[in-house]
Protein backbone atom coordinates (compact mmCIF):
# COMPACT_ATOMS: atom_id res chain seq x y z
CA MET A 1 62.78 126.72 150.36
CA ASP A 2 65.81 124.72 151.44
CA GLY A 3 68.35 126.18 149.02
CA PRO A 4 68.80 127.36 145.46
CA GLY A 5 67.13 125.64 142.53
CA ILE A 6 64.87 122.62 142.62
CA ARG A 7 66.04 120.52 145.55
CA PHE A 8 65.60 117.27 147.38
CA THR A 9 65.88 117.66 151.16
CA ILE A 10 67.02 114.89 153.47
CA PHE A 11 66.02 115.28 157.10
CA VAL A 12 68.24 113.33 159.48
CA GLN A 13 67.16 112.13 162.90
CA GLY A 14 68.85 113.23 166.12
CA CYS A 15 69.92 116.65 167.32
CA PRO A 16 71.78 117.74 170.45
CA HIS A 17 70.96 121.46 170.06
CA ASN A 18 67.23 121.53 170.91
CA CYS A 19 66.87 125.13 169.73
CA LEU A 20 63.84 126.95 171.10
CA GLY A 21 61.44 127.44 168.19
CA CYS A 22 63.02 124.74 166.00
CA HIS A 23 60.80 124.00 163.00
CA ASN A 24 61.67 120.28 163.15
CA PRO A 25 61.47 119.33 166.86
CA GLN A 26 60.32 115.82 165.90
CA THR A 27 63.85 115.19 164.61
CA HIS A 28 65.57 115.77 167.97
CA ASP A 29 65.16 112.24 169.36
CA PHE A 30 68.12 110.10 168.26
CA SER A 31 66.02 106.92 168.45
CA GLY A 32 63.22 108.16 166.18
CA GLY A 33 62.83 108.31 162.42
CA ASN A 34 63.09 105.73 159.67
CA GLN A 35 66.21 104.29 158.09
CA ILE A 36 66.76 104.54 154.37
CA SER A 37 69.80 103.34 152.46
CA ILE A 38 72.11 105.44 150.35
CA ASP A 39 71.19 103.26 147.37
CA GLU A 40 67.49 104.01 147.88
CA ILE A 41 68.14 107.75 147.97
CA VAL A 42 70.32 107.60 144.86
CA GLU A 43 67.66 105.55 143.03
CA MET A 44 64.98 108.14 143.89
CA LEU A 45 67.17 110.95 142.61
CA GLU A 46 68.03 109.09 139.41
CA GLU A 47 64.30 109.08 138.65
CA MET A 48 64.07 112.84 139.29
CA SER A 49 66.51 114.31 136.77
CA TYR A 50 65.03 117.79 137.32
CA ILE A 51 66.49 117.94 140.86
CA SER A 52 69.54 120.22 140.78
CA GLY A 53 70.62 119.95 144.40
CA VAL A 54 70.29 118.12 147.69
CA THR A 55 70.01 119.70 151.11
CA PHE A 56 70.93 117.94 154.35
CA SER A 57 68.76 119.17 157.22
CA GLY A 58 67.73 117.84 160.54
CA GLY A 59 68.06 116.98 163.17
CA GLU A 60 71.78 117.65 163.08
CA PRO A 61 73.49 116.35 159.93
CA PHE A 62 76.96 116.39 161.47
CA CYS A 63 75.82 113.77 163.99
CA GLN A 64 75.64 111.47 160.95
CA ALA A 65 78.67 112.82 159.12
CA GLU A 66 80.04 109.44 157.99
CA GLY A 67 76.81 108.33 156.34
CA LEU A 68 76.17 111.72 154.77
CA TYR A 69 79.73 111.86 153.46
CA ASN A 70 79.23 108.49 151.76
CA LEU A 71 75.97 109.77 150.29
CA ALA A 72 77.62 113.05 149.26
CA LEU A 73 80.23 111.14 147.25
CA ARG A 74 77.47 109.54 145.19
CA LEU A 75 75.53 112.78 144.84
CA LYS A 76 78.57 114.71 143.62
CA ASP A 77 79.14 111.97 141.02
CA MET A 78 75.59 112.76 139.86
CA GLY A 79 76.48 116.46 139.58
CA LYS A 80 74.28 117.62 142.47
CA HIS A 81 74.79 120.89 144.35
CA LEU A 82 75.04 120.12 148.09
CA MET A 83 73.87 122.31 150.94
CA CYS A 84 73.67 121.57 154.65
CA TYR A 85 72.01 123.13 157.69
CA THR A 86 73.80 122.76 161.02
CA GLY A 87 73.43 124.10 164.53
CA TYR A 88 77.21 124.15 164.81
CA THR A 89 79.22 127.09 163.54
CA PHE A 90 81.83 126.61 160.84
CA GLU A 91 84.49 127.34 163.47
CA GLN A 92 83.10 124.63 165.80
CA LEU A 93 83.06 122.09 162.97
CA ALA A 94 86.64 122.95 162.01
CA LYS A 95 87.78 122.46 165.63
CA LYS A 96 86.08 119.05 165.98
CA ASN A 97 89.10 117.41 164.37
CA ASP A 98 86.80 114.63 163.15
CA LYS A 99 87.62 112.79 159.93
CA TYR A 100 84.05 112.51 158.65
CA THR A 101 83.10 116.04 159.63
CA ASP A 102 86.04 117.28 157.57
CA LEU A 103 85.23 114.95 154.67
CA LEU A 104 81.55 115.95 154.63
CA LEU A 105 82.48 119.64 154.67
CA SER A 106 84.80 119.03 151.71
CA LYS A 107 81.82 117.90 149.59
CA LEU A 108 79.45 120.77 150.46
CA ASP A 109 78.80 123.84 148.33
CA LEU A 110 76.84 125.84 150.92
CA LEU A 111 76.52 125.63 154.69
CA VAL A 112 73.95 127.41 156.83
CA ASP A 113 75.61 127.43 160.22
CA GLY A 114 74.64 128.33 163.77
CA LYS A 115 71.78 127.49 166.08
CA PHE A 116 68.36 128.92 165.37
CA GLU A 117 67.74 131.77 167.82
CA GLN A 118 64.07 132.59 168.37
CA ASP A 119 64.75 136.22 169.36
CA LYS A 120 66.62 136.75 166.06
CA LYS A 121 63.99 135.07 163.87
CA SER A 122 63.14 136.80 160.60
CA LEU A 123 61.06 135.73 157.63
CA ASP A 124 63.07 138.15 155.46
CA LEU A 125 66.27 136.09 155.55
CA ARG A 126 67.09 133.92 152.57
CA PHE A 127 67.65 130.23 153.45
CA ARG A 128 68.05 130.89 157.18
CA GLY A 129 65.70 131.36 160.10
CA SER A 130 67.55 133.74 162.38
CA SER A 131 69.96 136.60 161.77
CA ASN A 132 72.85 134.96 163.65
CA GLN A 133 72.99 132.19 161.05
CA ARG A 134 75.24 132.49 158.00
CA VAL A 135 75.09 131.09 154.47
CA LEU A 136 78.69 130.13 153.79
CA ASP A 137 80.54 129.30 150.60
CA VAL A 138 82.17 126.10 151.84
CA PRO A 139 84.94 125.66 149.24
CA LYS A 140 86.12 129.26 149.81
CA SER A 141 85.77 128.87 153.59
CA LEU A 142 87.89 125.72 153.57
CA MET A 143 90.48 127.30 151.28
CA GLU A 144 90.85 130.34 153.54
CA ALA A 145 90.35 128.40 156.81
CA ARG A 146 87.71 130.89 157.93
CA PRO A 147 84.00 131.39 157.28
CA ILE A 148 83.30 133.16 153.97
CA TRP A 149 79.76 134.31 153.22
CA ALA A 150 78.21 133.17 149.98
CA GLU A 151 77.92 136.68 148.50
CA GLN A 152 74.57 136.13 146.78
CA TYR A 153 72.91 135.23 150.11
CA LYS A 154 74.15 138.05 152.37
C-alpha cells in the first residue's frame, strides 16, 4: 500500500540513491522508463473518480520536481491527497534551495523521507520500509520549518 485510501501511484524514472534492497531497482537508470504527459495522467484519473489520492514514488521524485509540481497543481485542483516517497530527508530537501523542490513540497500532504536501509527493514511499519524513514505531515513541517511526524503513522 502506497498511502492512505485508494490511490494511484506514479513511479518516476531515475534515482541517485541506489539503496541496497530497493524494491524498485529498475527505476534507478535515468535513461530508462516511458514518458507520459501530465494531460494523460489527469485524463486517467478523471475516469477513476474513486481514487482519493496520488503517490509519487520512484526512482527519486525530487529529481523530477518541476514536472511533478506541474502535475501536483492539476491534482490538487481535482481534490487529490498527495504523498511522496523520497530518499532525501526533509532537512536535505529544505537545504537544496531549489525552486521546484520547494514548490513540490508545498503541494504535498505526506512525505516518506530517508533512504531505505536494509538493516532497518521491517514489514511492521506503515507506509515505509525501514525504521529510519519517517512519515511527515508536510504542511505542518513547512509551517514549523522542521520535520513533523504525521501522528497517525508513528
